[in-house]
Amino acid sequence: MASQAALKLVGKEDGDKQRALEAAIAQIDRAFGKGSVMKLGKA
């Protein structure tokens, strides 16, 4: 059971990180315009 609880916590942290990243990118896009930040591997 402990391993399942640990997996749930990791998943939640990843979701929080993803939301924070998206918010930061959105803020940069508003300040500097679309295309100012690109993810690696996307052209």
C-alpha atoms as a PDB file:
ATOM      1  CA  MET A   1       0.000   0.000   0.000  1.00  0.00           C
ATOM      2  CA  ALA A   2       2.822   2.408   0.727  1.00  0.00           C
ATOM      3  CA  SER A   3       4.096   2.183  -2.828  1.00  0.00           C
ATOM      4  CA  GLN A   4       0.672   3.112  -4.228  1.00  0.00           C
ATOM      5  CA  ALA A   5       0.520   6.142  -1.938  1.00  0.00           C
ATOM      6  CA  ALA A   6       3.995   7.175  -3.059  1.00  0.00           C
ATOM      7  CA  LEU A   7       2.981   6.854  -6.696  1.00  0.00           C
ATOM      8  CA  LYS A   8      -0.034   9.086  -6.129  1.00  0.00           C
ATOM      9  CA  LEU A   9       2.135  11.756  -4.493  1.00  0.00           C
ATOM     10  CA  VAL A  10       4.625  11.718  -7.342  1.00  0.00           C
ATOM     11  CA  GLY A  11       1.823  12.068  -9.866  1.00  0.00           C
ATOM     12  CA  LYS A  12       0.401  15.062  -7.998  1.00  0.00           C
ATOM     13  CA  GLU A  13       3.795  16.745  -7.836  1.00  0.00           C
ATOM     14  CA  ASP A  14       4.296  16.237 -11.563  1.00  0.00           C
ATOM     15  CA  GLY A  15       0.918  17.821 -12.227  1.00  0.00           C
ATOM     16  CA  ASP A  16       1.806  20.796 -10.041  1.00  0.00           C
ATOM     17  CA  LYS A  17       5.106  21.224 -11.865  1.00  0.00           C
ATOM     18  CA  GLN A  18       3.371  21.027 -15.241  1.00  0.00           C
ATOM     19  CA  ARG A  19       0.807  23.682 -14.239  1.00  0.00           C
ATOM     20  CA  ALA A  20       3.581  25.944 -12.917  1.00  0.00           C
ATOM     21  CA  LEU A  21       5.550  25.530 -16.141  1.00  0.00           C
ATOM     22  CA  GLU A  22       2.514  26.320 -18.288  1.00  0.00           C
ATOM     23  CA  ALA A  23       1.760  29.407 -16.180  1.00  0.00           C
ATOM     24  CA  ALA A  24       5.354  30.641 -16.504  1.00  0.00           C
ATOM     25  CA  ILE A  25       5.371  30.114 -20.274  1.00  0.00           C
ATOM     26  CA  ALA A  26       2.018  31.904 -20.594  1.00  0.00           C
ATOM     27  CA  GLN A  27       3.376  34.858 -18.614  1.00  0.00           C
ATOM     28  CA  ILE A  28       6.484  35.055 -20.830  1.00  0.00           C
ATOM     29  CA  ASP A  29       4.302  34.829 -23.956  1.00  0.00           C
ATOM     30  CA  ARG A  30       2.184  37.755 -22.708  1.00  0.00           C
ATOM     31  CA  ALA A  31       5.265  39.837 -21.927  1.00  0.00           C
ATOM     32  CA  PHE A  32       7.395  39.064 -24.988  1.00  0.00           C
ATOM     33  CA  GLY A  33       4.963  37.666 -27.578  1.00  0.00           C
ATOM     34  CA  LYS A  34       4.107  34.224 -28.854  1.00  0.00           C
ATOM     35  CA  GLY A  35       7.048  32.149 -29.989  1.00  0.00           C
ATOM     36  CA  SER A  36       9.477  33.685 -27.502  1.00  0.00           C
ATOM     37  CA  VAL A  37       9.671  30.338 -25.683  1.00  0.00           C
ATOM     38  CA  MET A  38       9.880  27.043 -27.526  1.00  0.00           C
ATOM     39  CA  LYS A  39      10.077  23.541 -26.130  1.00  0.00           C
ATOM     40  CA  LEU A  40      13.097  21.540 -27.253  1.00  0.00           C
ATOM     41  CA  GLY A  41      12.349  19.277 -30.176  1.00  0.00           C
ATOM     42  CA  LYS A  42       9.609  21.526 -31.570  1.00  0.00           C
ATOM     43  CA  ALA A  43      10.419  23.882 -34.390  1.00  0.00           C
END
